[in-house]
């Protein structure tokens, strides 16, 4: 029973690392890209997306790359930009994607 507080503290610490606003920004953009590219073979680099988040008040944006047909002879890369709005009154809520553009 004495280990329970330690285990609980470790779980809360890990949840805090993975559930912060930057990851919510990445998650919102990831879902928007997946919806737009439904049915296509592609891959996103979530770590790259997370590293490229730029915050501006209650909004954030990132520019990253999507890879189509990774590892195949016709592999291609495409840059995209995603912008989201974060509700300051409800920071725990999912950000709303306000802009998604693929730079073809």
Protein backbone atom coordinates (compact mmCIF):
# COMPACT_ATOMS: atom_id res chain seq x y z
CA UNK A 1 0.00 0.00 0.00
CA UNK A 2 2.88 2.41 0.59
CA UNK A 3 3.82 2.31 -3.09
CA UNK A 4 0.40 3.56 -4.20
CA UNK A 5 1.17 7.30 -3.71
CA UNK A 6 4.47 6.90 -5.56
CA UNK A 7 2.82 5.08 -8.48
CA UNK A 8 0.05 7.65 -8.57
CA UNK A 9 2.54 10.52 -8.57
CA UNK A 10 4.48 8.91 -11.42
CA UNK A 11 1.31 8.41 -13.45
CA UNK A 12 0.28 12.02 -12.93
CA UNK A 13 3.73 13.24 -13.94
CA UNK A 14 3.63 11.19 -17.14
CA UNK A 15 0.13 12.40 -17.93
CA UNK A 16 1.26 15.98 -17.47
CA UNK A 17 4.10 15.46 -19.93
CA UNK A 18 1.83 14.03 -22.61
CA UNK A 19 -1.32 16.04 -22.18
CA UNK A 20 -0.16 19.63 -22.33
CA UNK A 21 -1.28 22.18 -24.89
CA UNK A 22 1.54 21.53 -27.39
CA UNK A 23 0.45 17.92 -27.77
CA UNK A 24 -3.16 19.02 -28.10
CA UNK A 25 -2.09 21.34 -30.92
CA UNK A 26 -0.32 18.47 -32.65
CA UNK A 27 -3.31 16.19 -32.08
CA UNK A 28 -5.75 18.69 -33.56
CA UNK A 29 -3.55 19.22 -36.62
CA UNK A 30 -2.98 15.49 -36.99
CA UNK A 31 -6.72 14.79 -37.03
CA UNK A 32 -7.31 17.59 -39.55
CA UNK A 33 -4.62 16.23 -41.90
CA UNK A 34 -5.94 12.68 -41.53
CA UNK A 35 -9.46 13.84 -42.40
CA UNK A 36 -8.24 15.77 -45.43
CA UNK A 37 -6.06 12.90 -46.71
CA UNK A 38 -8.43 10.07 -45.91
CA UNK A 39 -7.73 7.02 -48.07
CA UNK A 40 -4.17 8.07 -48.96
CA UNK A 41 -0.95 6.39 -47.80
CA UNK A 42 0.91 9.00 -45.75
CA UNK A 43 2.92 9.53 -42.59
CA UNK A 44 3.33 12.49 -40.24
CA UNK A 45 6.31 13.18 -37.99
CA UNK A 46 4.58 14.13 -34.73
CA UNK A 47 7.86 15.03 -33.00
CA UNK A 48 8.69 17.43 -35.85
CA UNK A 49 5.21 18.95 -35.61
CA UNK A 50 5.61 19.41 -31.85
CA UNK A 51 9.04 21.02 -32.27
CA UNK A 52 7.68 23.54 -34.78
CA UNK A 53 4.74 24.90 -32.79
CA UNK A 54 4.70 28.68 -32.62
CA UNK A 55 2.35 30.26 -30.09
CA UNK A 56 0.74 33.67 -30.45
CA UNK A 57 -1.65 34.44 -27.63
CA UNK A 58 -4.63 32.10 -27.83
CA UNK A 59 -3.55 30.62 -31.15
CA UNK A 60 -0.75 28.39 -32.36
CA UNK A 61 0.57 27.35 -35.72
CA UNK A 62 3.01 24.83 -37.10
CA UNK A 63 4.56 24.09 -40.46
CA UNK A 64 5.66 20.51 -41.05
CA UNK A 65 5.86 17.85 -43.73
CA UNK A 66 3.66 14.94 -44.71
CA UNK A 67 5.33 12.00 -46.49
CA UNK A 68 3.28 10.12 -49.09
CA UNK A 69 4.08 6.49 -49.93
CA UNK A 70 7.04 6.38 -47.56
CA UNK A 71 9.72 3.90 -48.58
CA UNK A 72 8.25 3.35 -52.03
CA UNK A 73 9.83 4.46 -55.32
CA UNK A 74 7.24 7.21 -55.74
CA UNK A 75 7.69 8.65 -52.21
CA UNK A 76 6.92 12.36 -52.08
CA UNK A 77 6.98 15.02 -49.36
CA UNK A 78 4.62 17.91 -49.00
CA UNK A 79 4.76 20.86 -46.63
CA UNK A 80 1.61 21.85 -44.76
CA UNK A 81 0.61 24.63 -42.39
CA UNK A 82 -1.88 24.20 -39.58
CA UNK A 83 -3.28 26.90 -37.30
CA UNK A 84 -5.40 26.34 -34.23
CA UNK A 85 -7.21 28.47 -31.68
CA UNK A 86 -7.02 27.60 -28.00
CA UNK A 87 -9.91 28.67 -25.77
CA UNK A 88 -8.24 30.47 -22.83
CA UNK A 89 -11.38 29.99 -20.72
CA UNK A 90 -11.18 26.20 -21.29
CA UNK A 91 -7.51 25.29 -21.84
CA UNK A 92 -8.31 21.62 -21.30
CA UNK A 93 -10.60 21.62 -24.36
CA UNK A 94 -9.32 20.49 -27.73
CA UNK A 95 -8.04 23.36 -29.89
CA UNK A 96 -10.09 24.25 -32.96
CA UNK A 97 -8.31 24.06 -36.32
CA UNK A 98 -8.85 27.39 -38.07
CA UNK A 99 -6.57 26.87 -41.08
CA UNK A 100 -5.02 23.92 -42.88
CA UNK A 101 -3.13 24.37 -46.11
CA UNK A 102 -1.00 21.99 -48.16
CA UNK A 103 1.67 23.74 -50.20
CA UNK A 104 1.45 21.62 -53.35
